[in-house]
Each structure stands twice: as structure tokens, then as C-alpha cells.
Protein backbone atom coordinates (compact mmCIF):
# COMPACT_ATOMS: atom_id res chain seq x y z
CA MET A 1 135.60 79.07 149.07
CA SER A 2 137.32 82.29 147.96
CA SER A 3 138.92 84.49 150.58
CA GLU A 4 138.76 87.57 148.34
CA PRO A 5 136.28 90.18 149.55
CA ILE A 6 133.30 90.89 147.31
CA ASP A 7 133.33 94.40 145.88
CA PRO A 8 129.85 95.88 146.46
CA HIS A 9 130.37 98.24 143.51
CA ILE A 10 130.57 95.43 140.96
CA PRO A 11 127.09 94.22 140.00
CA ALA A 12 126.37 90.53 140.29
CA ALA A 13 126.13 88.71 136.99
CA PRO A 14 123.88 85.76 136.25
CA LYS A 15 125.51 82.36 135.81
CA GLY A 16 126.99 82.16 132.32
CA MET A 17 127.75 85.88 132.06
CA THR A 18 130.41 88.22 133.39
CA PRO A 19 129.61 91.67 134.79
CA GLU A 20 131.19 93.07 131.60
CA ASP A 21 128.80 90.92 129.48
CA VAL A 22 125.84 92.33 131.41
CA GLU A 23 127.03 95.92 130.97
CA LYS A 24 127.79 95.57 127.26
CA ARG A 25 124.51 93.77 126.53
CA SER A 26 122.67 96.58 128.34
CA ASP A 27 124.55 99.13 126.20
CA LEU A 28 123.41 97.28 123.09
CA ALA A 29 119.80 97.16 124.30
CA ARG A 30 119.78 100.94 124.89
CA HIS A 31 120.28 101.45 121.16
CA LEU A 32 117.47 99.16 120.02
CA LEU A 33 113.84 100.28 120.03
CA PRO A 34 111.57 98.61 122.59
CA GLY A 35 109.08 96.39 120.83
CA ALA A 36 111.03 96.43 117.54
CA LEU A 37 112.05 92.79 117.86
CA PRO A 38 111.79 90.35 116.23
CA ALA A 39 113.94 91.86 113.50
CA ASP A 40 116.42 90.62 110.93
CA ALA A 41 120.13 91.35 111.23
CA GLU A 42 120.10 94.29 108.80
CA THR A 43 117.20 95.92 110.65
CA VAL A 44 119.02 95.46 113.97
CA ARG A 45 122.12 97.17 112.51
CA ARG A 46 120.07 100.01 111.02
CA MET A 47 118.11 100.51 114.25
CA ALA A 48 121.32 100.71 116.30
CA ARG A 49 122.86 103.19 113.85
CA GLU A 50 119.72 105.38 113.80
CA ASN A 51 119.62 105.37 117.61
CA GLY A 52 123.16 106.67 117.97
CA ALA A 53 124.99 103.47 118.88
CA PRO A 54 128.72 104.06 119.34
CA ASP A 55 131.25 102.64 116.90
CA ASP A 56 132.15 99.66 119.12
CA ILE A 57 128.53 98.44 119.05
CA LEU A 58 128.15 99.11 115.32
CA ASN A 59 131.41 97.27 114.61
CA GLU A 60 130.25 94.30 116.63
CA LEU A 61 126.85 94.26 114.92
CA SER A 62 128.59 94.17 111.53
CA ALA A 63 129.41 90.54 112.38
CA LEU A 64 125.80 89.64 113.28
CA PRO A 65 124.85 86.60 111.18
CA LYS A 66 121.83 86.72 108.89
CA GLY A 67 118.69 85.63 110.64
CA THR A 68 115.77 86.91 112.66
CA TYR A 69 116.31 87.82 116.30
CA ALA A 70 113.47 87.85 118.84
CA THR A 71 115.38 89.24 121.83
CA VAL A 72 118.50 91.20 122.71
CA SER A 73 119.77 87.99 124.33
CA ASP A 74 119.41 86.21 120.97
CA ILE A 75 121.48 88.95 119.32
CA TRP A 76 124.07 88.87 122.11
CA GLN A 77 124.43 85.09 121.89
CA ALA A 78 124.69 85.18 118.07
CA LEU A 79 127.61 87.59 118.50
CA GLY A 80 129.36 84.90 120.56
CA HIS A 81 128.81 86.28 124.05
CA GLY A 82 127.64 84.53 127.19
CA VAL A 83 123.99 84.49 128.19
CA GLU A 84 122.21 83.51 131.38
CA LYS A 85 122.32 79.80 132.08
CA SER A 86 119.77 77.83 134.01
CA PRO A 87 120.17 74.20 135.10
CA ASP A 88 118.35 73.27 131.86
CA GLY A 89 120.59 75.38 129.58
CA PRO A 90 120.61 78.97 128.31
CA HIS A 91 117.87 81.24 129.54
CA GLU A 92 115.12 81.85 127.00
CA SER A 93 113.74 85.37 127.14
């Protein structure tokens, strides 16, 4: 058991993700239109650009593999980041 105090200002992260993962994935989601998924990788990049995504998000999305993505979590995982984990594996959203 850790003796370090828990900082109440740092949000809890689900198992399999860091607080930074949660924050960055939320930033990504803010630049994608609700209900616009599923979408292919090029559409995801265009949508983010048209919705004013900052350069760090656009740069990351430039590495998004070809394919169709049903959720922001699918996009996030395809970019190599952690996603929620349940006892049965990654969370499906």
C-alpha cells in the first residue's frame, strides 16, 4: 500500500489509462463532431482540422492508420494510447 497522499486535484483514471491519457483523449474528442463516427481516418483528420484542433492533435492524427473508427476510444487506441481495461480486456464503447 502506498504511503503517498492522493492529490484530490488529479482526476482518477480508469484502469489501463493515465490521467494524462484521459485528458488528451478528451481534448481529441472535443474536436470531433458528435454523431460523426464511424468515420475513416481521412475524415477524422479533416473533421479535427475543421473544428480547430491544435497542432499537437493534428500531428498525432497524421499517424492514424487507414481504417474505419466507430468511437474516439478506437481512434485513441489506434494511435497507440491506453484505453480502459476491464477484467475481460479493453473496454468496448
